[in-house]
Amino acid sequence: MSAATALSAGPLERVELVLDFHQHGPLRCAAVILEPVDGCPALECCIPVAELLIGA
């Protein structure tokens, strides 16, 4: 991913790091760390790949 590309999981959630990809039944998912937001710490979570957005 280039410096000009951002990966997000929603309007307020930017992905800091993708840890891995895996399957939950039929869903292809990504284990990610979300960037800290408004003083809240970074959060590790699992997000369906279809819900990840690539933006500039």
N, C-alpha and C. Protein backbone atom coordinates (compact mmCIF):
# COMPACT_ATOMS: atom_id res chain seq x y z
N MET A 1 0.86 -1.16 0.00
CA MET A 1 0.00 0.00 0.00
C MET A 1 0.91 1.23 0.00
N SER A 2 0.63 2.17 -0.85
CA SER A 2 1.45 3.38 -0.93
C SER A 2 1.06 4.36 0.17
N ALA A 3 1.89 5.38 0.37
CA ALA A 3 1.62 6.38 1.40
C ALA A 3 0.36 7.17 1.08
N ALA A 4 -0.05 7.22 -0.18
CA ALA A 4 -1.23 7.99 -0.57
C ALA A 4 -2.51 7.16 -0.49
N THR A 5 -2.40 5.90 -0.08
CA THR A 5 -3.57 5.03 -0.01
C THR A 5 -3.92 4.76 1.44
N ALA A 6 -5.20 4.83 1.76
CA ALA A 6 -5.68 4.55 3.11
C ALA A 6 -6.69 3.42 3.06
N LEU A 7 -6.62 2.53 4.01
CA LEU A 7 -7.58 1.44 4.13
C LEU A 7 -8.46 1.76 5.33
N SER A 8 -9.77 1.72 5.13
CA SER A 8 -10.68 2.04 6.24
C SER A 8 -11.73 0.96 6.39
N ALA A 9 -12.33 0.97 7.58
CA ALA A 9 -13.38 0.00 7.89
C ALA A 9 -14.71 0.69 8.11
N GLY A 10 -14.77 1.95 7.85
CA GLY A 10 -15.98 2.74 8.03
C GLY A 10 -15.63 4.20 8.03
N PRO A 11 -16.61 5.07 8.18
CA PRO A 11 -16.37 6.51 8.07
C PRO A 11 -15.39 7.06 9.11
N LEU A 12 -15.31 6.46 10.29
CA LEU A 12 -14.42 6.97 11.33
C LEU A 12 -13.29 6.00 11.67
N GLU A 13 -13.19 4.89 10.98
CA GLU A 13 -12.21 3.86 11.32
C GLU A 13 -11.18 3.71 10.22
N ARG A 14 -9.93 4.02 10.53
CA ARG A 14 -8.82 3.80 9.59
C ARG A 14 -8.00 2.62 10.08
N VAL A 15 -7.64 1.76 9.14
CA VAL A 15 -6.85 0.58 9.46
C VAL A 15 -5.38 1.00 9.56
N GLU A 16 -4.77 0.68 10.68
CA GLU A 16 -3.36 0.97 10.88
C GLU A 16 -2.50 -0.18 10.35
N LEU A 17 -2.97 -1.42 10.54
CA LEU A 17 -2.16 -2.58 10.15
C LEU A 17 -3.08 -3.77 9.88
N VAL A 18 -2.82 -4.50 8.80
CA VAL A 18 -3.52 -5.76 8.52
C VAL A 18 -2.63 -6.87 9.05
N LEU A 19 -3.15 -7.68 9.96
CA LEU A 19 -2.36 -8.75 10.57
C LEU A 19 -2.42 -10.03 9.75
N ASP A 20 -3.62 -10.40 9.29
CA ASP A 20 -3.75 -11.60 8.46
C ASP A 20 -5.14 -11.65 7.83
N PHE A 21 -5.32 -12.62 6.95
CA PHE A 21 -6.61 -12.91 6.33
C PHE A 21 -6.98 -14.33 6.69
N HIS A 22 -8.26 -14.58 6.91
CA HIS A 22 -8.72 -15.91 7.30
C HIS A 22 -10.20 -16.07 6.92
N GLN A 23 -10.74 -17.25 7.15
CA GLN A 23 -12.14 -17.57 6.83
C GLN A 23 -12.94 -17.77 8.10
N HIS A 24 -14.16 -17.27 8.13
CA HIS A 24 -15.17 -17.57 9.14
C HIS A 24 -16.35 -18.12 8.36
N GLY A 25 -16.40 -19.44 8.20
CA GLY A 25 -17.43 -20.04 7.36
C GLY A 25 -17.25 -19.51 5.94
N PRO A 26 -18.31 -18.95 5.34
CA PRO A 26 -18.19 -18.44 3.97
C PRO A 26 -17.55 -17.05 3.88
N LEU A 27 -17.35 -16.38 5.03
CA LEU A 27 -16.82 -15.01 5.01
C LEU A 27 -15.30 -14.97 5.01
N ARG A 28 -14.74 -14.22 4.09
CA ARG A 28 -13.29 -13.95 4.08
C ARG A 28 -13.10 -12.72 4.96
N CYS A 29 -12.26 -12.83 5.98
CA CYS A 29 -12.09 -11.75 6.95
C CYS A 29 -10.63 -11.32 7.06
N ALA A 30 -10.43 -10.14 7.64
CA ALA A 30 -9.10 -9.62 7.90
C ALA A 30 -8.99 -9.29 9.38
N ALA A 31 -7.92 -9.73 10.00
CA ALA A 31 -7.61 -9.30 11.36
C ALA A 31 -6.81 -8.01 11.21
N VAL A 32 -7.31 -6.93 11.79
CA VAL A 32 -6.69 -5.62 11.61
C VAL A 32 -6.53 -4.90 12.94
N ILE A 33 -5.66 -3.90 12.94
CA ILE A 33 -5.55 -2.97 14.05
C ILE A 33 -6.05 -1.64 13.53
N LEU A 34 -7.07 -1.10 14.19
CA LEU A 34 -7.63 0.20 13.82
C LEU A 34 -6.83 1.30 14.51
N GLU A 35 -6.61 2.42 13.82
CA GLU A 35 -5.89 3.55 14.39
C GLU A 35 -6.65 4.11 15.58
N PRO A 36 -5.94 4.67 16.55
CA PRO A 36 -6.62 5.32 17.68
C PRO A 36 -7.51 6.47 17.19
N VAL A 37 -8.65 6.66 17.84
CA VAL A 37 -9.59 7.72 17.46
C VAL A 37 -10.01 8.49 18.72
N ASP A 38 -9.90 9.79 18.67
CA ASP A 38 -10.37 10.67 19.76
C ASP A 38 -9.93 10.21 21.14
N GLY A 39 -8.66 9.87 21.27
CA GLY A 39 -8.14 9.49 22.57
C GLY A 39 -8.35 8.03 22.95
N CYS A 40 -9.13 7.29 22.17
CA CYS A 40 -9.30 5.86 22.43
C CYS A 40 -8.09 5.11 21.87
N PRO A 41 -7.66 4.05 22.53
CA PRO A 41 -6.48 3.33 22.05
C PRO A 41 -6.76 2.56 20.75
N ALA A 42 -5.68 2.14 20.10
CA ALA A 42 -5.80 1.29 18.91
C ALA A 42 -6.57 0.03 19.30
N LEU A 43 -7.30 -0.54 18.35
CA LEU A 43 -8.16 -1.69 18.61
C LEU A 43 -7.88 -2.78 17.59
N GLU A 44 -7.68 -4.00 18.06
CA GLU A 44 -7.52 -5.13 17.16
C GLU A 44 -8.88 -5.79 16.98
N CYS A 45 -9.27 -6.04 15.72
CA CYS A 45 -10.57 -6.65 15.47
C CYS A 45 -10.55 -7.44 14.16
N CYS A 46 -11.64 -8.15 13.94
CA CYS A 46 -11.83 -8.93 12.72
C CYS A 46 -12.94 -8.26 11.91
N ILE A 47 -12.65 -8.00 10.63
CA ILE A 47 -13.61 -7.31 9.77
C ILE A 47 -13.75 -8.10 8.47
N PRO A 48 -15.00 -8.33 8.01
CA PRO A 48 -15.16 -8.97 6.69
C PRO A 48 -14.45 -8.15 5.61
N VAL A 49 -13.71 -8.82 4.75
CA VAL A 49 -12.95 -8.14 3.70
C VAL A 49 -13.86 -7.27 2.84
N ALA A 50 -15.10 -7.70 2.58
CA ALA A 50 -16.03 -6.93 1.77
C ALA A 50 -16.35 -5.58 2.37
N GLU A 51 -16.13 -5.40 3.67
CA GLU A 51 -16.43 -4.13 4.34
C GLU A 51 -15.24 -3.19 4.39
N LEU A 52 -14.06 -3.66 3.99
CA LEU A 52 -12.89 -2.78 3.95
C LEU A 52 -12.95 -1.89 2.72
N LEU A 53 -12.59 -0.64 2.89
CA LEU A 53 -12.63 0.35 1.80
C LEU A 53 -11.22 0.87 1.54
N ILE A 54 -10.86 0.98 0.27
CA ILE A 54 -9.55 1.55 -0.10
C ILE A 54 -9.80 2.94 -0.64
N GLY A 55 -9.10 3.91 -0.09
CA GLY A 55 -9.25 5.29 -0.52
C GLY A 55 -7.93 6.00 -0.61
N ALA A 56 -7.92 7.15 -1.23
CA ALA A 56 -6.67 7.92 -1.37
C ALA A 56 -6.53 8.89 -0.24
